Amino acid sequence: MLFCNNDTQKIGVVPSPPPVPSGTRPRQQNSETEDIMNLFRKDPMTTRKEKEKDVEYE
């Protein structure tokens, strides 16, 4: 829930120019965004690897 709130706040701060400052301003915000993405990626990545391993084992 915490990361969801942060995401909403970021979207409200830069809703129009999200791809434009994708390499200038987001660097500072990327720190928090990266943490959020990491949490989201770590879950699906682990699930994918586990699923692949399950398929190989079967």
PDB file of N, CA and C in Angstrom:
ATOM      1  N   MET A   1       0.836  -1.196   0.000  1.00  0.00           N
ATOM      2  CA  MET A   1       0.000   0.000   0.000  1.00  0.00           C
ATOM      3  C   MET A   1       0.875   1.251   0.000  1.00  0.00           C
ATOM      4  N   LEU A   2       1.991   1.177   0.697  1.00  0.00           N
ATOM      5  CA  LEU A   2       2.872   2.348   0.764  1.00  0.00           C
ATOM      6  C   LEU A   2       3.359   2.719  -0.628  1.00  0.00           C
ATOM      7  N   PHE A   3       3.862   1.753  -1.377  1.00  0.00           N
ATOM      8  CA  PHE A   3       4.383   2.052  -2.702  1.00  0.00           C
ATOM      9  C   PHE A   3       3.266   2.541  -3.616  1.00  0.00           C
ATOM     10  N   CYS A   4       2.056   2.037  -3.419  1.00  0.00           N
ATOM     11  CA  CYS A   4       0.925   2.484  -4.234  1.00  0.00           C
ATOM     12  C   CYS A   4       0.695   3.981  -4.017  1.00  0.00           C
ATOM     13  N   ASN A   5       0.746   4.418  -2.767  1.00  0.00           N
ATOM     14  CA  ASN A   5       0.550   5.831  -2.470  1.00  0.00           C
ATOM     15  C   ASN A   5       1.646   6.659  -3.122  1.00  0.00           C
ATOM     16  N   ASN A   6       2.888   6.208  -3.034  1.00  0.00           N
ATOM     17  CA  ASN A   6       3.998   6.941  -3.643  1.00  0.00           C
ATOM     18  C   ASN A   6       3.788   7.050  -5.145  1.00  0.00           C
ATOM     19  N   ASP A   7       3.378   5.964  -5.759  1.00  0.00           N
ATOM     20  CA  ASP A   7       3.155   5.972  -7.198  1.00  0.00           C
ATOM     21  C   ASP A   7       2.108   7.016  -7.561  1.00  0.00           C
ATOM     22  N   THR A   8       1.029   7.069  -6.798  1.00  0.00           N
ATOM     23  CA  THR A   8      -0.033   8.028  -7.083  1.00  0.00           C
ATOM     24  C   THR A   8       0.490   9.447  -6.943  1.00  0.00           C
ATOM     25  N   GLN A   9       1.288   9.682  -5.927  1.00  0.00           N
ATOM     26  CA  GLN A   9       1.822  11.031  -5.730  1.00  0.00           C
ATOM     27  C   GLN A   9       2.726  11.408  -6.892  1.00  0.00           C
ATOM     28  N   LYS A  10       3.576  10.505  -7.331  1.00  0.00           N
ATOM     29  CA  LYS A  10       4.478  10.797  -8.436  1.00  0.00           C
ATOM     30  C   LYS A  10       3.683  11.105  -9.698  1.00  0.00           C
ATOM     31  N   ILE A  11       2.660  10.307  -9.953  1.00  0.00           N
ATOM     32  CA  ILE A  11       1.850  10.520 -11.156  1.00  0.00           C
ATOM     33  C   ILE A  11       1.207  11.903 -11.092  1.00  0.00           C
ATOM     34  N   GLY A  12       0.797  12.320  -9.901  1.00  0.00           N
ATOM     35  CA  GLY A  12       0.165  13.630  -9.756  1.00  0.00           C
ATOM     36  C   GLY A  12       1.183  14.746  -9.936  1.00  0.00           C
ATOM     37  N   VAL A  13       2.431  14.471  -9.612  1.00  0.00           N
ATOM     38  CA  VAL A  13       3.473  15.499  -9.762  1.00  0.00           C
ATOM     39  C   VAL A  13       3.842  15.656 -11.228  1.00  0.00           C
ATOM     40  N   VAL A  14       4.006  14.544 -11.941  1.00  0.00           N
ATOM     41  CA  VAL A  14       4.386  14.626 -13.357  1.00  0.00           C
ATOM     42  C   VAL A  14       3.482  13.720 -14.194  1.00  0.00           C
ATOM     43  N   PRO A  15       2.250  14.167 -14.448  1.00  0.00           N
ATOM     44  CA  PRO A  15       1.319  13.358 -15.214  1.00  0.00           C
ATOM     45  C   PRO A  15       1.455  13.606 -16.718  1.00  0.00           C
ATOM     46  N   SER A  16       1.840  14.812 -17.108  1.00  0.00           N
ATOM     47  CA  SER A  16       1.955  15.144 -18.532  1.00  0.00           C
ATOM     48  C   SER A  16       3.321  14.730 -19.092  1.00  0.00           C
ATOM     49  N   PRO A  17       4.403  15.200 -18.480  1.00  0.00           N
ATOM     50  CA  PRO A  17       5.741  14.881 -19.013  1.00  0.00           C
ATOM     51  C   PRO A  17       6.398  13.704 -18.302  1.00  0.00           C
ATOM     52  N   PRO A  18       5.872  12.497 -18.479  1.00  0.00           N
ATOM     53  CA  PRO A  18       6.496  11.340 -17.827  1.00  0.00           C
ATOM     54  C   PRO A  18       7.645  10.770 -18.660  1.00  0.00           C
ATOM     55  N   PRO A  19       7.539  10.721 -19.999  1.00  0.00           N
ATOM     56  CA  PRO A  19       8.622  10.179 -20.816  1.00  0.00           C
ATOM     57  C   PRO A  19       9.665  11.237 -21.150  1.00  0.00           C
ATOM     58  N   VAL A  20       9.302  12.502 -21.082  1.00  0.00           N
ATOM     59  CA  VAL A  20      10.255  13.569 -21.420  1.00  0.00           C
ATOM     60  C   VAL A  20      11.385  13.616 -20.393  1.00  0.00           C
ATOM     61  N   PRO A  21      11.068  13.773 -19.110  1.00  0.00           N
ATOM     62  CA  PRO A  21      12.127  13.823 -18.082  1.00  0.00           C
ATOM     63  C   PRO A  21      12.502  12.421 -17.642  1.00  0.00           C
ATOM     64  N   SER A  22      12.464  11.489 -18.577  1.00  0.00           N
ATOM     65  CA  SER A  22      12.744  10.094 -18.218  1.00  0.00           C
ATOM     66  C   SER A  22      14.238   9.880 -18.013  1.00  0.00           C
ATOM     67  N   GLY A  23      15.044  10.881 -18.326  1.00  0.00           N
ATOM     68  CA  GLY A  23      16.492  10.716 -18.161  1.00  0.00           C
ATOM     69  C   GLY A  23      17.107  11.910 -17.466  1.00  0.00           C
ATOM     70  N   THR A  24      16.292  12.801 -16.914  1.00  0.00           N
ATOM     71  CA  THR A  24      16.852  13.980 -16.249  1.00  0.00           C
ATOM     72  C   THR A  24      16.319  14.096 -14.828  1.00  0.00           C
ATOM     73  N   ARG A  25      15.022  14.310 -14.683  1.00  0.00           N
ATOM     74  CA  ARG A  25      14.462  14.500 -13.337  1.00  0.00           C
ATOM     75  C   ARG A  25      14.208  13.159 -12.635  1.00  0.00           C
ATOM     76  N   PRO A  26      13.639  12.197 -13.315  1.00  0.00           N
ATOM     77  CA  PRO A  26      13.282  10.932 -12.652  1.00  0.00           C
ATOM     78  C   PRO A  26      14.481  10.279 -11.976  1.00  0.00           C
ATOM     79  N   ARG A  27      15.681  10.708 -12.292  1.00  0.00           N
ATOM     80  CA  ARG A  27      16.865  10.094 -11.653  1.00  0.00           C
ATOM     81  C   ARG A  27      16.689  10.170 -10.136  1.00  0.00           C
ATOM     82  N   GLN A  28      16.308  11.320  -9.620  1.00  0.00           N
ATOM     83  CA  GLN A  28      16.136  11.438  -8.165  1.00  0.00           C
ATOM     84  C   GLN A  28      14.912  10.628  -7.745  1.00  0.00           C
ATOM     85  N   GLN A  29      13.856  10.708  -8.511  1.00  0.00           N
ATOM     86  CA  GLN A  29      12.641   9.961  -8.172  1.00  0.00           C
ATOM     87  C   GLN A  29      12.839   8.484  -8.486  1.00  0.00           C
ATOM     88  N   ASN A  30      13.765   8.188  -9.393  1.00  0.00           N
ATOM     89  CA  ASN A  30      14.015   6.789  -9.743  1.00  0.00           C
ATOM     90  C   ASN A  30      14.398   5.995  -8.508  1.00  0.00           C
ATOM     91  N   SER A  31      15.105   6.634  -7.590  1.00  0.00           N
ATOM     92  CA  SER A  31      15.514   5.913  -6.371  1.00  0.00           C
ATOM     93  C   SER A  31      14.289   5.253  -5.736  1.00  0.00           C
ATOM     94  N   GLU A  32      13.241   6.023  -5.540  1.00  0.00           N
ATOM     95  CA  GLU A  32      12.033   5.454  -4.925  1.00  0.00           C
ATOM     96  C   GLU A  32      11.309   4.557  -5.930  1.00  0.00           C
ATOM     97  N   THR A  33      11.270   4.992  -7.176  1.00  0.00           N
ATOM     98  CA  THR A  33      10.591   4.187  -8.194  1.00  0.00           C
ATOM     99  C   THR A  33      11.296   2.846  -8.356  1.00  0.00           C
ATOM    100  N   GLU A  34      12.632   2.871  -8.333  1.00  0.00           N
ATOM    101  CA  GLU A  34      13.381   1.612  -8.473  1.00  0.00           C
ATOM    102  C   GLU A  34      13.034   0.673  -7.331  1.00  0.00           C
ATOM    103  N   ASP A  35      12.944   1.216  -6.131  1.00  0.00           N
ATOM    104  CA  ASP A  35      12.581   0.368  -4.980  1.00  0.00           C
ATOM    105  C   ASP A  35      11.219  -0.274  -5.223  1.00  0.00           C
ATOM    106  N   ILE A  36      10.280   0.533  -5.707  1.00  0.00           N
ATOM    107  CA  ILE A  36       8.932   0.009  -5.960  1.00  0.00           C
ATOM    108  C   ILE A  36       8.988  -1.041  -7.067  1.00  0.00           C
ATOM    109  N   MET A  37       9.699  -0.730  -8.154  1.00  0.00           N
ATOM    110  CA  MET A  37       9.788  -1.679  -9.279  1.00  0.00           C
ATOM    111  C   MET A  37      10.479  -2.953  -8.810  1.00  0.00           C
ATOM    112  N   ASN A  38      11.512  -2.799  -7.991  1.00  0.00           N
ATOM    113  CA  ASN A  38      12.234  -3.980  -7.504  1.00  0.00           C
ATOM    114  C   ASN A  38      11.274  -4.894  -6.751  1.00  0.00           C
ATOM    115  N   LEU A  39      10.453  -4.311  -5.886  1.00  0.00           N
ATOM    116  CA  LEU A  39       9.506  -5.128  -5.116  1.00  0.00           C
ATOM    117  C   LEU A  39       8.561  -5.849  -6.071  1.00  0.00           C
ATOM    118  N   PHE A  40       8.109  -5.116  -7.095  1.00  0.00           N
ATOM    119  CA  PHE A  40       7.167  -5.731  -8.034  1.00  0.00           C
ATOM    120  C   PHE A  40       7.870  -6.765  -8.905  1.00  0.00           C
ATOM    121  N   ARG A  41       9.105  -6.481  -9.295  1.00  0.00           N
ATOM    122  CA  ARG A  41       9.831  -7.393 -10.194  1.00  0.00           C
ATOM    123  C   ARG A  41      10.313  -8.621  -9.423  1.00  0.00           C
ATOM    124  N   LYS A  42      10.742  -8.421  -8.202  1.00  0.00           N
ATOM    125  CA  LYS A  42      11.264  -9.558  -7.432  1.00  0.00           C
ATOM    126  C   LYS A  42      10.175 -10.618  -7.268  1.00  0.00           C
ATOM    127  N   ASP A  43       8.948 -10.191  -7.036  1.00  0.00           N
ATOM    128  CA  ASP A  43       7.867 -11.173  -6.841  1.00  0.00           C
ATOM    129  C   ASP A  43       7.605 -11.964  -8.125  1.00  0.00           C
ATOM    130  N   PRO A  44       7.337 -11.268  -9.245  1.00  0.00           N
ATOM    131  CA  PRO A  44       7.038 -11.989 -10.487  1.00  0.00           C
ATOM    132  C   PRO A  44       8.252 -12.766 -10.991  1.00  0.00           C
ATOM    133  N   MET A  45       9.447 -12.199 -10.850  1.00  0.00           N
ATOM    134  CA  MET A  45      10.654 -12.896 -11.327  1.00  0.00           C
ATOM    135  C   MET A  45      10.804 -14.220 -10.581  1.00  0.00           C
ATOM    136  N   THR A  46      10.651 -14.175  -9.269  1.00  0.00           N
ATOM    137  CA  THR A  46      10.795 -15.405  -8.483  1.00  0.00           C
ATOM    138  C   THR A  46       9.702 -16.400  -8.888  1.00  0.00           C
ATOM    139  N   THR A  47       8.512 -15.896  -9.092  1.00  0.00           N
ATOM    140  CA  THR A  47       7.413 -16.788  -9.467  1.00  0.00           C
ATOM    141  C   THR A  47       7.706 -17.413 -10.832  1.00  0.00           C
ATOM    142  N   ARG A  48       8.238 -16.625 -11.745  1.00  0.00           N
ATOM    143  CA  ARG A  48       8.524 -17.145 -13.090  1.00  0.00           C
ATOM    144  C   ARG A  48       9.589 -18.235 -12.996  1.00  0.00           C
ATOM    145  N   LYS A  49      10.649 -17.941 -12.275  1.00  0.00           N
ATOM    146  CA  LYS A  49      11.733 -18.930 -12.157  1.00  0.00           C
ATOM    147  C   LYS A  49      11.196 -20.193 -11.485  1.00  0.00           C
ATOM    148  N   GLU A  50      10.422 -20.020 -10.441  1.00  0.00           N
ATOM    149  CA  GLU A  50       9.874 -21.188  -9.744  1.00  0.00           C
ATOM    150  C   GLU A  50       8.973 -21.975 -10.691  1.00  0.00           C
ATOM    151  N   LYS A  51       8.186 -21.275 -11.475  1.00  0.00           N
ATOM    152  CA  LYS A  51       7.284 -21.965 -12.407  1.00  0.00           C
ATOM    153  C   LYS A  51       8.115 -22.730 -13.437  1.00  0.00           C
ATOM    154  N   GLU A  52       9.164 -22.083 -13.955  1.00  0.00           N
ATOM    155  CA  GLU A  52      10.008 -22.756 -14.951  1.00  0.00           C
ATOM    156  C   GLU A  52      10.637 -24.003 -14.335  1.00  0.00           C
ATOM    157  N   LYS A  53      11.130 -23.863 -13.110  1.00  0.00           N
ATOM    158  CA  LYS A  53      11.757 -25.013 -12.447  1.00  0.00           C
ATOM    159  C   LYS A  53      10.722 -26.120 -12.263  1.00  0.00           C
ATOM    160  N   ASP A  54       9.515 -25.745 -11.895  1.00  0.00           N
ATOM    161  CA  ASP A  54       8.458 -26.753 -11.709  1.00  0.00           C
ATOM    162  C   ASP A  54       8.225 -27.506 -13.021  1.00  0.00           C
ATOM    163  N   VAL A  55       8.192 -26.765 -14.101  1.00  0.00           N
ATOM    164  CA  VAL A  55       7.940 -27.397 -15.404  1.00  0.00           C
ATOM    165  C   VAL A  55       9.091 -28.340 -15.742  1.00  0.00           C
ATOM    166  N   GLU A  56      10.325 -27.901 -15.489  1.00  0.00           N
ATOM    167  CA  GLU A  56      11.483 -28.753 -15.801  1.00  0.00           C
ATOM    168  C   GLU A  56      11.464 -30.007 -14.931  1.00  0.00           C
ATOM    169  N   TYR A  57      11.138 -29.840 -13.665  1.00  0.00           N
ATOM    170  CA  TYR A  57      11.120 -30.995 -12.765  1.00  0.00           C
ATOM    171  C   TYR A  57      10.057 -31.995 -13.199  1.00  0.00           C
ATOM    172  N   GLU A  58       8.919 -31.456 -13.621  1.00  0.00           N
ATOM    173  CA  GLU A  58       7.832 -32.345 -14.047  1.00  0.00           C
ATOM    174  C   GLU A  58       8.232 -33.014 -15.342  1.00  0.00           C
TER     175      GLU A  58
END
